[in-house]
Amino acid sequence: MKLSQRGRYGVLALHDLANEYGTGPVALKSIAERQEISENYLEQLMGTLRKAGFIKSIRGAQGGYMLAKRPEEITIGEIIVAMEGPIAFADCMLMDGDEPFVCQKAAGCSRRGVWARIGTRINEVLNSITLAELCQKPGK
């Protein structure tokens, strides 16, 4: 299992904004330079993050982006789900609309329970880490 570039960059962008929390809007160009992300790609990601309610944009010469919530209120799990969709260890654990995806072999599958337990633990860990924690200096 590997996190996509989209998910990683979404976390990086919000981590950058969390480090600047309370200082006002941050220019897209500044984030792109610090995080070494293409401005064009970052702009696309910011649209997704804005729609998910994590950031707000301020127009104008002194404009930019800022967190819409406190860093303590945003988890890594929420960011990854917004950027990539539901976190599932196996395809059979995904949802099909509002219903769980059901593999034809699900009724007799002994592995499905294992995938569910792994997915639950991954989600628990990701949802227990906030942007505020990422901003803490090592050793604190």
Protein backbone atom coordinates (compact mmCIF):
# COMPACT_ATOMS: atom_id res chain seq x y z
CA MET A 1 0.00 0.00 0.00
CA LYS A 2 1.39 3.37 -1.01
CA LEU A 3 0.07 6.88 -0.56
CA SER A 4 -0.21 8.75 -3.86
CA GLN A 5 1.60 11.98 -4.66
CA ARG A 6 -1.75 13.77 -4.51
CA GLY A 7 -2.34 12.62 -0.93
CA ARG A 8 1.23 13.42 0.18
CA TYR A 9 1.15 16.88 -1.38
CA GLY A 10 -2.23 17.62 0.17
CA VAL A 11 -0.76 16.87 3.59
CA LEU A 12 2.35 18.95 2.78
CA ALA A 13 0.29 21.96 1.70
CA LEU A 14 -1.90 21.88 4.80
CA HIS A 15 1.13 21.29 7.04
CA ASP A 16 2.70 24.39 5.51
CA LEU A 17 -0.45 26.42 6.21
CA ALA A 18 -0.63 25.02 9.75
CA ASN A 19 2.92 26.25 10.37
CA GLU A 20 1.74 29.73 9.30
CA TYR A 21 -1.57 29.53 11.19
CA GLY A 22 -2.61 32.87 12.67
CA THR A 23 -0.28 34.99 10.53
CA GLY A 24 -2.77 35.74 7.74
CA PRO A 25 -3.07 34.51 4.16
CA VAL A 26 -0.13 32.66 2.60
CA ALA A 27 0.66 33.09 -1.10
CA LEU A 28 0.43 29.97 -3.23
CA LYS A 29 3.86 30.75 -4.64
CA SER A 30 5.38 30.70 -1.14
CA ILE A 31 3.90 27.29 -0.36
CA ALA A 32 4.99 25.92 -3.74
CA GLU A 33 8.56 27.12 -3.22
CA ARG A 34 8.88 25.86 0.36
CA GLN A 35 7.38 22.47 -0.44
CA GLU A 36 8.95 22.17 -3.91
CA ILE A 37 5.60 21.58 -5.60
CA SER A 38 4.60 22.95 -9.01
CA GLU A 39 2.36 26.01 -8.58
CA ASN A 40 -0.06 24.71 -11.23
CA TYR A 41 -0.40 21.33 -9.52
CA LEU A 42 -0.67 22.94 -6.08
CA GLU A 43 -3.46 25.21 -7.34
CA GLN A 44 -5.44 22.11 -8.38
CA LEU A 45 -4.89 20.54 -4.97
CA MET A 46 -5.96 23.72 -3.19
CA GLY A 47 -9.29 23.58 -5.02
CA THR A 48 -9.92 20.11 -3.60
CA LEU A 49 -8.82 21.18 -0.11
CA ARG A 50 -11.05 24.26 -0.26
CA LYS A 51 -14.09 22.21 -1.31
CA ALA A 52 -13.39 19.84 1.57
CA GLY A 53 -13.54 22.79 3.97
CA PHE A 54 -9.92 22.74 5.14
CA ILE A 55 -8.85 26.07 3.67
CA LYS A 56 -10.24 29.39 2.56
CA SER A 57 -8.84 31.68 -0.08
CA ILE A 58 -8.47 35.43 0.22
CA ARG A 59 -8.39 37.44 -3.01
CA GLY A 60 -6.31 40.52 -3.66
CA ALA A 61 -2.74 41.75 -3.44
CA GLN A 62 -2.34 40.58 0.16
CA GLY A 63 -4.40 37.45 -0.46
CA GLY A 64 -3.57 33.80 -0.40
CA TYR A 65 -4.68 30.71 1.49
CA MET A 66 -5.27 30.02 5.14
CA LEU A 67 -6.68 27.20 7.21
CA ALA A 68 -10.43 27.32 7.70
CA LYS A 69 -10.09 25.34 10.94
CA ARG A 70 -7.54 25.23 13.72
CA PRO A 71 -4.65 22.76 13.12
CA GLU A 72 -5.89 20.74 16.10
CA GLU A 73 -9.17 20.12 14.26
CA ILE A 74 -7.74 18.61 11.07
CA THR A 75 -6.46 15.04 10.97
CA ILE A 76 -4.17 13.42 8.46
CA GLY A 77 -6.88 10.83 7.79
CA GLU A 78 -9.38 13.51 6.82
CA ILE A 79 -6.89 15.08 4.42
CA ILE A 80 -6.05 11.78 2.75
CA VAL A 81 -9.73 10.86 2.33
CA ALA A 82 -10.43 14.29 0.80
CA MET A 83 -7.52 13.92 -1.62
CA GLU A 84 -7.81 10.23 -2.50
CA GLY A 85 -11.17 8.92 -1.38
CA PRO A 86 -11.87 6.26 1.23
CA ILE A 87 -8.93 4.41 2.73
CA ALA A 88 -9.33 0.69 2.18
CA PHE A 89 -6.73 -2.02 2.38
CA ALA A 90 -8.44 -4.12 -0.30
CA ASP A 91 -10.95 -3.37 -3.08
CA CYS A 92 -13.56 -5.55 -1.42
CA MET A 93 -13.60 -3.12 1.52
CA LEU A 94 -14.61 -0.11 -0.58
CA MET A 95 -18.12 1.28 -0.89
CA ASP A 96 -20.21 1.14 -4.05
CA GLY A 97 -22.21 4.34 -3.66
CA ASP A 98 -23.89 4.12 -0.25
CA GLU A 99 -23.54 0.35 -0.06
CA PRO A 100 -20.45 -1.75 0.68
CA PHE A 101 -18.88 -3.28 -2.41
CA VAL A 102 -19.66 -6.98 -2.22
CA CYS A 103 -17.36 -9.40 -3.93
CA GLN A 104 -19.03 -12.56 -5.25
CA LYS A 105 -16.79 -14.54 -2.90
CA ALA A 106 -17.48 -12.36 0.18
CA ALA A 107 -19.75 -14.83 1.99
CA GLY A 108 -17.05 -17.50 2.18
CA CYS A 109 -13.99 -15.25 2.29
CA SER A 110 -11.82 -15.71 5.35
CA ARG A 111 -9.53 -12.85 4.31
CA ARG A 112 -12.20 -10.13 4.36
CA GLY A 113 -12.13 -9.91 8.15
CA VAL A 114 -8.35 -9.50 8.10
CA TRP A 115 -8.57 -6.68 5.53
CA ALA A 116 -11.26 -4.99 7.63
CA ARG A 117 -9.12 -5.15 10.80
CA ILE A 118 -6.07 -3.75 8.97
CA GLY A 119 -8.16 -0.96 7.44
CA THR A 120 -9.66 -0.10 10.82
CA ARG A 121 -6.22 0.19 12.43
CA ILE A 122 -4.84 2.31 9.57
CA ASN A 123 -7.82 4.67 9.82
CA GLU A 124 -7.48 4.87 13.61
CA VAL A 125 -3.83 5.92 13.35
CA LEU A 126 -4.38 8.43 10.54
CA ASN A 127 -7.36 9.96 12.31
CA SER A 128 -5.43 10.29 15.57
CA ILE A 129 -2.72 12.53 14.09
CA THR A 130 -3.55 16.22 13.69
CA LEU A 131 -1.81 18.98 11.77
CA ALA A 132 -0.96 20.54 15.15
CA GLU A 133 1.07 17.43 16.01
CA LEU A 134 2.97 17.68 12.73
CA CYS A 135 3.89 21.25 13.60
CA GLN A 136 5.50 20.31 16.89
CA LYS A 137 9.27 20.40 16.88
CA PRO A 138 11.08 17.05 17.19
CA GLY A 139 11.90 16.13 20.76
CA LYS A 140 8.91 17.94 22.29
